[in-house]
Amino acid sequence: MLKIAAFVLAAAFAGYGLHAVAQHRIDLRPAVTPVGTSSSGGISFAWFYDATNRAVYVCRVAQANSESVDCKGEATLP
């Protein structure tokens, strides 16, 4: 009886171990990757690439109003 109980317990632990290994892994990556920056005449631009939807964004910050960032530009790459 003890051998059967030990076998059932070992099988349960093995099943749980296989279940834990088979779980999906979470892939943590930044949402966007910085590509480059540029500045001229008190206005700064920054370009970002989003790999999930293959899009490029451009953000603009004016020196007079540095509290707001305007990121409306988007272009989808082929």
C-alpha atoms as a PDB file:
ATOM      1  CA  MET A   1       0.000   0.000   0.000  1.00  0.00           C
ATOM      2  CA  LEU A   2       2.854   2.359   0.824  1.00  0.00           C
ATOM      3  CA  LYS A   3       4.481   1.736  -2.563  1.00  0.00           C
ATOM      4  CA  ILE A   4       1.260   2.607  -4.389  1.00  0.00           C
ATOM      5  CA  ALA A   5       0.851   5.840  -2.389  1.00  0.00           C
ATOM      6  CA  ALA A   6       4.473   6.811  -3.096  1.00  0.00           C
ATOM      7  CA  PHE A   7       3.987   6.071  -6.823  1.00  0.00           C
ATOM      8  CA  VAL A   8       0.802   8.186  -6.975  1.00  0.00           C
ATOM      9  CA  LEU A   9       2.524  11.036  -5.120  1.00  0.00           C
ATOM     10  CA  ALA A  10       5.558  10.869  -7.440  1.00  0.00           C
ATOM     11  CA  ALA A  11       3.268  10.838 -10.505  1.00  0.00           C
ATOM     12  CA  ALA A  12       1.394  13.881  -9.180  1.00  0.00           C
ATOM     13  CA  PHE A  13       4.652  15.791  -8.635  1.00  0.00           C
ATOM     14  CA  ALA A  14       5.890  14.805 -12.108  1.00  0.00           C
ATOM     15  CA  GLY A  15       2.633  15.984 -13.684  1.00  0.00           C
ATOM     16  CA  TYR A  16       2.815  19.288 -11.829  1.00  0.00           C
ATOM     17  CA  GLY A  17       6.453  19.692 -12.894  1.00  0.00           C
ATOM     18  CA  LEU A  18       5.580  19.146 -16.562  1.00  0.00           C
ATOM     19  CA  HIS A  19       2.679  21.580 -16.243  1.00  0.00           C
ATOM     20  CA  ALA A  20       4.920  24.264 -14.682  1.00  0.00           C
ATOM     21  CA  VAL A  21       7.565  23.882 -17.402  1.00  0.00           C
ATOM     22  CA  ALA A  22       4.983  24.054 -20.195  1.00  0.00           C
ATOM     23  CA  GLN A  23       3.601  27.425 -19.073  1.00  0.00           C
ATOM     24  CA  HIS A  24       3.929  30.349 -21.456  1.00  0.00           C
ATOM     25  CA  ARG A  25       6.773  32.726 -20.782  1.00  0.00           C
ATOM     26  CA  ILE A  26       6.107  36.453 -20.746  1.00  0.00           C
ATOM     27  CA  ASP A  27       8.360  38.333 -23.140  1.00  0.00           C
ATOM     28  CA  LEU A  28       9.001  41.812 -21.790  1.00  0.00           C
ATOM     29  CA  ARG A  29      10.217  44.282 -24.398  1.00  0.00           C
ATOM     30  CA  PRO A  30       9.844  48.019 -24.625  1.00  0.00           C
ATOM     31  CA  ALA A  31       6.770  49.098 -26.558  1.00  0.00           C
ATOM     32  CA  VAL A  32       8.784  51.385 -28.807  1.00  0.00           C
ATOM     33  CA  THR A  33      12.483  51.619 -29.643  1.00  0.00           C
ATOM     34  CA  PRO A  34      14.117  55.045 -29.968  1.00  0.00           C
ATOM     35  CA  VAL A  35      15.564  55.557 -33.440  1.00  0.00           C
ATOM     36  CA  GLY A  36      17.005  59.072 -33.415  1.00  0.00           C
ATOM     37  CA  THR A  37      16.650  62.708 -32.397  1.00  0.00           C
ATOM     38  CA  SER A  38      17.083  66.066 -34.055  1.00  0.00           C
ATOM     39  CA  SER A  39      16.868  69.682 -32.917  1.00  0.00           C
ATOM     40  CA  SER A  40      16.711  72.953 -34.802  1.00  0.00           C
ATOM     41  CA  GLY A  41      15.405  76.435 -34.060  1.00  0.00           C
ATOM     42  CA  GLY A  42      14.023  75.623 -30.607  1.00  0.00           C
ATOM     43  CA  ILE A  43      12.046  72.574 -31.786  1.00  0.00           C
ATOM     44  CA  SER A  44      13.164  69.028 -31.021  1.00  0.00           C
ATOM     45  CA  PHE A  45      12.088  65.855 -32.795  1.00  0.00           C
ATOM     46  CA  ALA A  46      12.435  62.216 -31.730  1.00  0.00           C
ATOM     47  CA  TRP A  47      11.663  59.130 -33.833  1.00  0.00           C
ATOM     48  CA  PHE A  48      10.480  55.824 -32.381  1.00  0.00           C
ATOM     49  CA  TYR A  49       9.901  52.400 -33.968  1.00  0.00           C
ATOM     50  CA  ASP A  50       7.111  50.097 -32.782  1.00  0.00           C
ATOM     51  CA  ALA A  51       7.956  46.516 -33.788  1.00  0.00           C
ATOM     52  CA  THR A  52       4.537  45.092 -32.882  1.00  0.00           C
ATOM     53  CA  ASN A  53       2.706  46.966 -35.658  1.00  0.00           C
ATOM     54  CA  ARG A  54       5.786  47.966 -37.739  1.00  0.00           C
ATOM     55  CA  ALA A  55       5.137  51.692 -37.361  1.00  0.00           C
ATOM     56  CA  VAL A  56       7.409  54.706 -36.979  1.00  0.00           C
ATOM     57  CA  TYR A  57       6.322  57.618 -34.780  1.00  0.00           C
ATOM     58  CA  VAL A  58       7.730  61.134 -34.646  1.00  0.00           C
ATOM     59  CA  CYS A  59       7.339  63.313 -31.551  1.00  0.00           C
ATOM     60  CA  ARG A  60       7.858  67.080 -31.394  1.00  0.00           C
ATOM     61  CA  VAL A  61       8.665  69.316 -28.431  1.00  0.00           C
ATOM     62  CA  ALA A  62       8.815  73.110 -28.784  1.00  0.00           C
ATOM     63  CA  GLN A  63      11.182  75.034 -26.526  1.00  0.00           C
ATOM     64  CA  ALA A  64       8.523  77.617 -25.605  1.00  0.00           C
ATOM     65  CA  ASN A  65       6.095  74.935 -24.412  1.00  0.00           C
ATOM     66  CA  SER A  66       8.342  72.125 -23.171  1.00  0.00           C
ATOM     67  CA  GLU A  67       5.573  70.706 -20.983  1.00  0.00           C
ATOM     68  CA  SER A  68       3.732  69.144 -23.930  1.00  0.00           C
ATOM     69  CA  VAL A  69       4.898  66.485 -26.344  1.00  0.00           C
ATOM     70  CA  ASP A  70       3.122  66.066 -29.675  1.00  0.00           C
ATOM     71  CA  CYS A  71       3.357  62.501 -31.075  1.00  0.00           C
ATOM     72  CA  LYS A  72       0.781  62.448 -33.814  1.00  0.00           C
ATOM     73  CA  GLY A  73       2.904  61.372 -36.759  1.00  0.00           C
ATOM     74  CA  GLU A  74       2.790  57.706 -37.722  1.00  0.00           C
ATOM     75  CA  ALA A  75       3.898  55.776 -40.798  1.00  0.00           C
ATOM     76  CA  THR A  76       3.431  52.016 -41.214  1.00  0.00           C
ATOM     77  CA  LEU A  77       6.346  50.216 -42.814  1.00  0.00           C
ATOM     78  CA  PRO A  78       5.815  47.500 -45.439  1.00  0.00           C
END
